[in-house]
Amino acid sequence: MKIFRGFHHSGREPACALTIGNFDGVHRGHQAMLSLLAGEARQRGVATCVLTFEPHPRDYFAQVLSQPALAPARICTLRDKLTDLERCGVDQVVVLPFNHALASQSPQAFIDEVLVQGLGARYVLVGDDFRFGAKRAGDYAMLDAAGQRAGFDVARMNSYEVHGLRVSSSAVREALAAGHMEAAARLLGHPYTISGHVVHGRKLGRQLAESSAGASDGFRTLNLRFSHWKPAASGIFAVRVHGLGEQPVPGVANLGVRPSLDPNDVNGGRVLLETHCLDWPDHLGAEGAYGKIIRVELLHKLHDELKYDSLQALTAGIAKDCDDARALFSALPAPTYTETRRQTTRDRI
């Protein structure tokens, strides 16, 4: 899959079947849309293309208006969005920066300059609630009329439902916020996942061994930065980690701001996913995971983040989480795995 920041690139396909959206989570509704797009592209002999935006438009307006509550909780990072789009067979993705120029562009200018001149759209597929242009003044009827004049086809896809529930990014966010990981997985079509490079932290997990004889060599963690200040999920989770060897490794993860730690730590108060493997892979040694790209599936929420008043209390809390996770995994049937997600896109982001 080819990835472009903007559309002024020589390697971009000159014509495409296009869909437009934020694609936060790339849920089953998105997947159905991309499947339909692929069929239309084959009929026309053109590439499939997804036009998406970074930051999310509502993030932009939240910042401009100084109203952070307007920003949506983020389901996935750009890395994971692109990985999922590649997994769906998309040929190319164009990421447009959502800024003042794009926010103030008229609907007709968006059609002429972006869809026709910029991307060479021959077919445009949108959702049933699609709006575009300054003040969201553009709608499906306007896009369809413009397509007839400019020579591209326009179609829209109705809502996708699972057991009577409309599948949407909002529904995924609600499930994640409530800690209903099984419901989120049904909407996404797979377990909720966060991936990235393992980065250095304070290495506090190793120090916890000194506060409890039962902590062995401590609770070393694999740290991933979540590149948004408002993740859709937060708390303590039972997880499986992919990318450390041939088989996934069970673990416990904390997604959030780590209220028991110094806010001025080495990660600067960023949101982190900190994962402790229940059985640390021996071949990694103490330092062997840094720089690796791993994928963490958040399978079950154990509880919200807690603030502990001492290292001893934190050690005891983590030990209990590990015991609870082990009990959970022991009750699950042994999984079989076929690794279908590739890391080629993530290696480039």
Protein backbone atom coordinates (compact mmCIF):
# COMPACT_ATOMS: atom_id res chain seq x y z
CA MET A 1 0.00 0.00 0.00
CA LYS A 2 1.28 3.45 -0.92
CA ILE A 3 0.97 6.25 1.62
CA PHE A 4 1.09 9.94 0.73
CA ARG A 5 1.05 13.07 2.84
CA GLY A 6 -0.99 15.26 0.53
CA PHE A 7 -1.62 14.50 -3.13
CA HIS A 8 1.23 16.34 -4.85
CA HIS A 9 3.39 13.24 -5.39
CA SER A 10 4.61 11.66 -8.61
CA GLY A 11 4.12 8.09 -7.34
CA ARG A 12 0.39 8.49 -6.81
CA GLU A 13 -1.95 6.67 -9.19
CA PRO A 14 -3.44 9.10 -11.75
CA ALA A 15 -6.99 7.76 -11.35
CA CYS A 16 -8.78 6.04 -8.50
CA ALA A 17 -11.94 4.77 -6.88
CA LEU A 18 -12.12 6.89 -3.75
CA THR A 19 -13.68 6.90 -0.33
CA ILE A 20 -13.33 9.68 2.21
CA GLY A 21 -13.41 9.64 6.00
CA ASN A 22 -11.59 9.60 9.31
CA PHE A 23 -11.62 5.79 9.56
CA ASP A 24 -10.95 5.84 13.29
CA GLY A 25 -10.87 2.16 14.21
CA VAL A 26 -11.50 0.77 10.70
CA HIS A 27 -14.53 -1.12 12.04
CA ARG A 28 -16.74 -3.62 10.25
CA GLY A 29 -18.76 -0.86 8.59
CA HIS A 30 -15.56 0.59 7.16
CA GLN A 31 -14.45 -2.88 6.09
CA ALA A 32 -17.72 -3.45 4.20
CA MET A 33 -17.31 -0.08 2.48
CA LEU A 34 -13.75 -0.88 1.45
CA SER A 35 -14.85 -4.22 0.04
CA LEU A 36 -17.48 -2.47 -2.08
CA LEU A 37 -14.89 0.10 -3.16
CA ALA A 38 -12.52 -2.65 -4.30
CA GLY A 39 -15.19 -4.18 -6.52
CA GLU A 40 -15.98 -0.84 -8.16
CA ALA A 41 -12.27 -0.18 -8.68
CA ARG A 42 -11.80 -3.51 -10.45
CA GLN A 43 -14.68 -2.77 -12.81
CA ARG A 44 -13.07 0.52 -13.78
CA GLY A 45 -9.48 -0.72 -13.86
CA VAL A 46 -8.29 1.88 -11.34
CA ALA A 47 -6.65 1.82 -7.90
CA THR A 48 -8.53 2.06 -4.63
CA CYS A 49 -7.77 5.15 -2.59
CA VAL A 50 -8.71 6.30 0.90
CA LEU A 51 -8.62 10.02 1.67
CA THR A 52 -8.29 10.61 5.40
CA PHE A 53 -7.28 13.46 7.69
CA GLU A 54 -4.80 14.11 10.47
CA PRO A 55 -5.58 15.53 12.91
CA HIS A 56 -9.20 14.49 13.18
CA PRO A 57 -11.32 17.50 12.11
CA ARG A 58 -12.97 17.63 15.52
CA ASP A 59 -9.51 17.74 17.13
CA TYR A 60 -8.74 20.76 15.00
CA PHE A 61 -11.91 22.63 15.95
CA ALA A 62 -11.50 21.69 19.62
CA GLN A 63 -8.10 23.39 19.58
CA VAL A 64 -9.24 26.43 17.60
CA LEU A 65 -12.22 26.99 19.89
CA SER A 66 -10.26 26.09 23.07
CA GLN A 67 -12.91 23.49 23.87
CA PRO A 68 -11.08 20.19 24.43
CA ALA A 69 -14.37 18.42 25.17
CA LEU A 70 -15.18 18.67 21.44
CA ALA A 71 -12.28 16.36 20.57
CA PRO A 72 -13.38 12.74 20.14
CA ALA A 73 -11.65 10.01 22.08
CA ARG A 74 -9.19 8.40 19.68
CA ILE A 75 -9.66 4.70 18.93
CA CYS A 76 -6.46 4.16 17.00
CA THR A 77 -3.22 5.87 16.14
CA LEU A 78 -2.38 6.81 12.57
CA ARG A 79 -0.01 3.83 12.47
CA ASP A 80 -2.77 1.37 13.34
CA LYS A 81 -5.25 3.03 11.00
CA LEU A 82 -2.87 2.62 8.08
CA THR A 83 -2.10 -0.97 9.08
CA ASP A 84 -5.79 -1.84 9.10
CA LEU A 85 -6.40 -0.10 5.77
CA GLU A 86 -3.57 -2.10 4.24
CA ARG A 87 -5.02 -5.29 5.70
CA CYS A 88 -8.28 -4.42 3.90
CA GLY A 89 -6.46 -4.35 0.56
CA VAL A 90 -6.41 -0.59 -0.05
CA ASP A 91 -3.96 0.40 -2.81
CA GLN A 92 -3.13 3.90 -1.63
CA VAL A 93 -3.95 6.29 1.21
CA VAL A 94 -3.71 10.06 1.04
CA VAL A 95 -3.43 11.77 4.43
CA LEU A 96 -4.41 15.43 4.28
CA PRO A 97 -3.48 17.78 7.12
CA PHE A 98 -6.71 19.19 8.51
CA ASN A 99 -5.86 22.85 8.97
CA HIS A 100 -7.37 26.29 8.43
CA ALA A 101 -6.98 26.10 4.65
CA LEU A 102 -8.88 22.81 4.41
CA ALA A 103 -11.47 23.80 7.01
CA SER A 104 -12.31 26.97 5.11
CA GLN A 105 -12.32 25.43 1.62
CA SER A 106 -15.70 25.64 -0.08
CA PRO A 107 -17.43 22.38 -1.04
CA GLN A 108 -17.03 23.11 -4.76
CA ALA A 109 -13.34 23.93 -4.36
CA PHE A 110 -12.88 20.66 -2.45
CA ILE A 111 -14.46 18.76 -5.34
CA ASP A 112 -12.47 20.56 -8.03
CA GLU A 113 -9.08 20.86 -6.35
CA VAL A 114 -8.94 17.69 -4.25
CA LEU A 115 -11.19 15.06 -5.79
CA VAL A 116 -10.82 15.87 -9.50
CA GLN A 117 -7.49 17.64 -10.00
CA GLY A 118 -5.68 16.26 -6.97
CA LEU A 119 -6.78 12.63 -6.88
CA GLY A 120 -8.30 11.90 -10.30
CA ALA A 121 -11.42 10.35 -8.79
CA ARG A 122 -13.46 8.20 -11.18
CA TYR A 123 -15.75 6.85 -8.50
CA VAL A 124 -16.49 8.27 -5.04
CA LEU A 125 -18.11 6.19 -2.30
CA VAL A 126 -19.26 7.93 0.89
CA GLY A 127 -21.26 7.09 4.00
CA ASP A 128 -24.90 8.00 4.46
CA ASP A 129 -24.03 10.91 6.78
CA PHE A 130 -21.21 12.38 4.67
CA ARG A 131 -20.74 16.16 4.72
CA PHE A 132 -17.81 18.17 3.42
CA GLY A 133 -16.43 21.63 2.82
CA ALA A 134 -16.49 24.78 4.96
CA LYS A 135 -19.22 24.67 7.61
CA ARG A 136 -20.07 21.15 6.35
CA ALA A 137 -22.13 22.81 3.62
CA GLY A 138 -21.52 20.07 1.04
CA ASP A 139 -23.80 17.04 1.01
CA TYR A 140 -24.43 13.93 -1.07
CA ALA A 141 -26.79 15.66 -3.51
CA MET A 142 -24.17 18.32 -4.28
CA LEU A 143 -21.45 15.70 -4.71
CA ASP A 144 -23.65 13.62 -7.01
CA ALA A 145 -24.50 16.63 -9.18
CA ALA A 146 -20.83 17.60 -9.37
CA GLY A 147 -19.93 14.05 -10.40
CA GLN A 148 -22.35 14.15 -13.29
CA ARG A 149 -20.77 17.37 -14.53
CA ALA A 150 -17.14 16.31 -13.97
CA GLY A 151 -17.48 12.70 -15.12
CA PHE A 152 -17.09 10.65 -11.94
CA ASP A 153 -19.64 8.30 -10.40
CA VAL A 154 -20.93 8.84 -6.87
CA ALA A 155 -22.49 6.31 -4.50
CA ARG A 156 -23.30 6.12 -0.84
CA MET A 157 -23.47 3.20 1.53
CA ASN A 158 -26.16 2.86 4.15
CA SER A 159 -25.37 2.09 7.76
CA TYR A 160 -23.86 -1.31 8.53
CA GLU A 161 -25.50 -3.17 11.41
CA VAL A 162 -24.49 -6.10 13.61
CA HIS A 163 -27.38 -7.68 15.53
CA GLY A 164 -29.43 -4.55 14.99
CA LEU A 165 -26.69 -2.20 16.24
CA ARG A 166 -25.36 0.43 13.86
CA VAL A 167 -21.62 -0.03 13.54
CA SER A 168 -19.83 3.29 13.89
CA SER A 169 -16.72 4.78 15.41
CA SER A 170 -18.96 6.34 18.07
CA ALA A 171 -20.30 2.90 19.02
CA VAL A 172 -16.73 1.55 19.27
CA ARG A 173 -15.73 4.49 21.47
CA GLU A 174 -18.71 3.89 23.76
CA ALA A 175 -17.83 0.20 24.13
CA LEU A 176 -14.19 0.97 24.90
CA ALA A 177 -15.07 3.73 27.37
CA ALA A 178 -17.33 1.28 29.22
CA GLY A 179 -14.63 -1.39 29.23
CA HIS A 180 -16.76 -3.74 27.13
CA MET A 181 -13.89 -5.20 25.16
CA GLU A 182 -15.91 -8.11 23.76
CA ALA A 183 -18.50 -5.68 22.37
CA ALA A 184 -15.75 -3.54 20.84
CA ALA A 185 -14.25 -6.64 19.22
CA ARG A 186 -17.61 -7.51 17.64
CA LEU A 187 -17.84 -4.02 16.15
CA LEU A 188 -14.22 -4.03 14.95
CA GLY A 189 -14.22 -7.61 13.72
CA HIS A 190 -11.12 -8.39 15.84
CA PRO A 191 -9.79 -7.64 19.35
CA TYR A 192 -9.00 -4.01 20.07
CA THR A 193 -5.31 -3.55 19.33
CA ILE A 194 -2.56 -0.97 19.81
CA SER A 195 0.84 -1.31 18.15
CA GLY A 196 4.11 0.57 18.04
CA HIS A 197 7.80 0.64 18.87
CA VAL A 198 8.84 -0.31 22.39
CA VAL A 199 10.35 2.79 24.01
CA HIS A 200 12.36 3.41 27.17
CA GLY A 201 10.60 4.42 30.37
CA ARG A 202 11.75 5.06 33.93
CA LYS A 203 12.41 1.34 34.40
CA LEU A 204 10.46 1.58 37.63
CA GLY A 205 9.08 -1.93 37.11
CA ARG A 206 12.50 -3.40 37.81
CA GLN A 207 12.77 -1.45 41.05
CA LEU A 208 9.56 -2.96 42.39
CA ALA A 209 11.43 -6.18 43.16
CA GLU A 210 13.10 -4.33 46.02
CA SER A 211 9.72 -3.53 47.61
CA SER A 212 8.42 -7.10 47.62
CA ALA A 213 10.17 -10.42 47.76
CA GLY A 214 7.35 -11.87 45.67
CA ALA A 215 8.10 -9.57 42.76
CA SER A 216 11.15 -11.59 41.65
CA ASP A 217 13.01 -9.36 39.19
CA GLY A 218 10.23 -6.79 39.26
CA PHE A 219 7.50 -6.02 36.75
CA ARG A 220 9.42 -4.88 33.69
CA THR A 221 7.13 -3.45 31.03
CA LEU A 222 6.99 -2.95 27.29
CA ASN A 223 6.11 0.72 26.78
CA LEU A 224 4.24 2.03 23.72
CA ARG A 225 3.35 5.69 23.29
CA PHE A 226 -0.26 6.34 22.32
CA SER A 227 0.06 9.42 20.14
CA HIS A 228 -3.09 11.18 21.29
CA TRP A 229 -3.95 12.75 24.61
CA LYS A 230 -7.45 11.22 24.75
CA PRO A 231 -7.50 7.44 24.16
CA ALA A 232 -10.90 5.78 23.78
CA ALA A 233 -9.94 3.09 26.32
CA SER A 234 -8.12 3.41 29.61
CA GLY A 235 -7.38 1.27 32.62
CA ILE A 236 -5.82 -2.11 33.37
CA PHE A 237 -6.30 -4.95 30.88
CA ALA A 238 -5.53 -8.60 30.32
CA VAL A 239 -3.72 -8.63 26.98
CA ARG A 240 -1.86 -10.73 24.45
CA VAL A 241 1.37 -9.42 22.93
CA HIS A 242 2.40 -10.23 19.35
CA GLY A 243 5.84 -9.59 17.92
CA LEU A 244 8.09 -11.05 20.60
CA GLY A 245 8.32 -14.50 19.06
CA GLU A 246 6.36 -17.10 17.16
CA GLN A 247 3.54 -17.23 19.69
CA PRO A 248 1.67 -14.39 21.43
CA VAL A 249 2.53 -13.77 25.07
CA PRO A 250 -0.16 -13.16 27.74
CA GLY A 251 0.23 -10.11 29.88
CA VAL A 252 -1.27 -7.26 31.89
CA ALA A 253 -1.29 -3.71 30.52
CA ASN A 254 -1.95 -0.23 31.84
CA LEU A 255 -3.28 2.25 29.28
CA GLY A 256 -3.35 5.81 30.58
CA VAL A 257 -1.39 8.45 32.42
CA ARG A 258 -0.03 6.34 35.31
CA PRO A 259 -1.42 8.33 38.29
CA SER A 260 0.95 6.64 40.76
CA LEU A 261 4.04 7.99 38.98
CA ASP A 262 5.80 11.32 38.80
CA PRO A 263 4.11 13.35 36.00
CA ASN A 264 7.54 14.67 35.02
CA ASP A 265 8.90 11.25 34.12
CA VAL A 266 10.96 10.48 31.03
CA ASN A 267 7.85 10.17 28.86
CA GLY A 268 6.73 13.67 29.69
CA GLY A 269 3.25 12.83 30.91
CA ARG A 270 2.25 11.18 27.60
CA VAL A 271 -0.37 8.49 27.44
CA LEU A 272 1.40 5.13 27.51
CA LEU A 273 0.44 1.52 27.07
CA GLU A 274 2.67 -0.30 29.58
CA THR A 275 2.53 -4.08 29.21
CA HIS A 276 3.97 -6.60 31.65
CA CYS A 277 4.37 -10.07 30.16
CA LEU A 278 3.23 -12.77 32.57
CA ASP A 279 6.08 -14.93 31.28
CA TRP A 280 8.95 -12.81 29.99
CA PRO A 281 10.52 -14.39 26.86
CA ASP A 282 13.99 -15.53 27.90
CA HIS A 283 15.52 -14.84 24.49
CA LEU A 284 14.92 -11.11 24.91
CA GLY A 285 17.08 -10.71 27.98
CA ALA A 286 16.66 -7.54 29.99
CA GLU A 287 17.04 -5.11 27.09
CA GLY A 288 16.07 -7.09 23.99
CA ALA A 289 12.58 -5.65 23.45
CA TYR A 290 13.55 -1.99 22.95
CA GLY A 291 12.92 -0.81 19.40
CA LYS A 292 10.80 -3.84 18.49
CA ILE A 293 7.40 -3.28 16.91
CA ILE A 294 4.79 -5.13 18.91
CA ARG A 295 1.02 -5.45 18.71
CA VAL A 296 -0.98 -5.63 21.93
CA GLU A 297 -4.53 -7.02 21.96
CA LEU A 298 -6.60 -5.64 24.85
CA LEU A 299 -8.90 -8.57 25.63
CA HIS A 300 -10.52 -7.88 28.98
CA LYS A 301 -10.63 -4.85 31.27
CA LEU A 302 -9.72 -5.65 34.87
CA HIS A 303 -10.37 -2.20 36.38
CA ASP A 304 -9.76 1.54 35.99
CA GLU A 305 -6.40 3.09 36.75
CA LEU A 306 -5.73 3.38 40.47
CA LYS A 307 -3.44 5.70 42.41
CA TYR A 308 -1.23 3.92 44.92
CA ASP A 309 0.43 5.80 47.77
CA SER A 310 3.67 3.76 47.87
CA LEU A 311 5.82 1.42 45.82
CA GLN A 312 4.82 -1.40 48.15
CA ALA A 313 1.13 -0.76 47.47
CA LEU A 314 1.80 -0.47 43.72
CA THR A 315 3.71 -3.77 43.78
CA ALA A 316 0.86 -5.50 45.58
CA GLY A 317 -1.67 -4.03 43.14
CA ILE A 318 0.25 -5.20 40.08
CA ALA A 319 0.74 -8.66 41.60
CA LYS A 320 -3.02 -8.97 42.10
CA ASP A 321 -3.66 -7.84 38.51
CA CYS A 322 -1.25 -10.52 37.30
CA ASP A 323 -3.03 -13.17 39.38
CA ASP A 324 -6.41 -12.06 38.01
CA ALA A 325 -5.11 -12.13 34.45
CA ARG A 326 -3.63 -15.61 34.90
CA ALA A 327 -6.98 -16.85 36.21
CA LEU A 328 -8.71 -15.30 33.21
CA PHE A 329 -6.35 -16.87 30.69
CA SER A 330 -6.54 -20.27 32.38
CA ALA A 331 -10.32 -20.23 31.90
CA LEU A 332 -10.08 -19.45 28.18
CA PRO A 333 -9.70 -22.15 25.51
CA ALA A 334 -6.21 -22.40 24.07
CA PRO A 335 -6.16 -20.10 21.02
CA THR A 336 -4.89 -20.95 17.57
CA TYR A 337 -3.21 -18.16 15.71
CA THR A 338 -2.68 -17.31 12.09
CA GLU A 339 -0.69 -14.12 11.89
CA THR A 340 -2.47 -12.09 9.20
CA ARG A 341 -1.45 -8.57 10.11
CA ARG A 342 1.75 -7.40 8.54
CA GLN A 343 4.18 -4.88 9.94
CA THR A 344 5.28 -3.45 6.61
CA THR A 345 3.17 -0.31 6.94
CA ARG A 346 3.99 0.20 10.60
CA ASP A 347 7.68 0.02 9.83
CA ARG A 348 7.26 3.11 7.68
CA ILE A 349 5.24 5.21 10.12
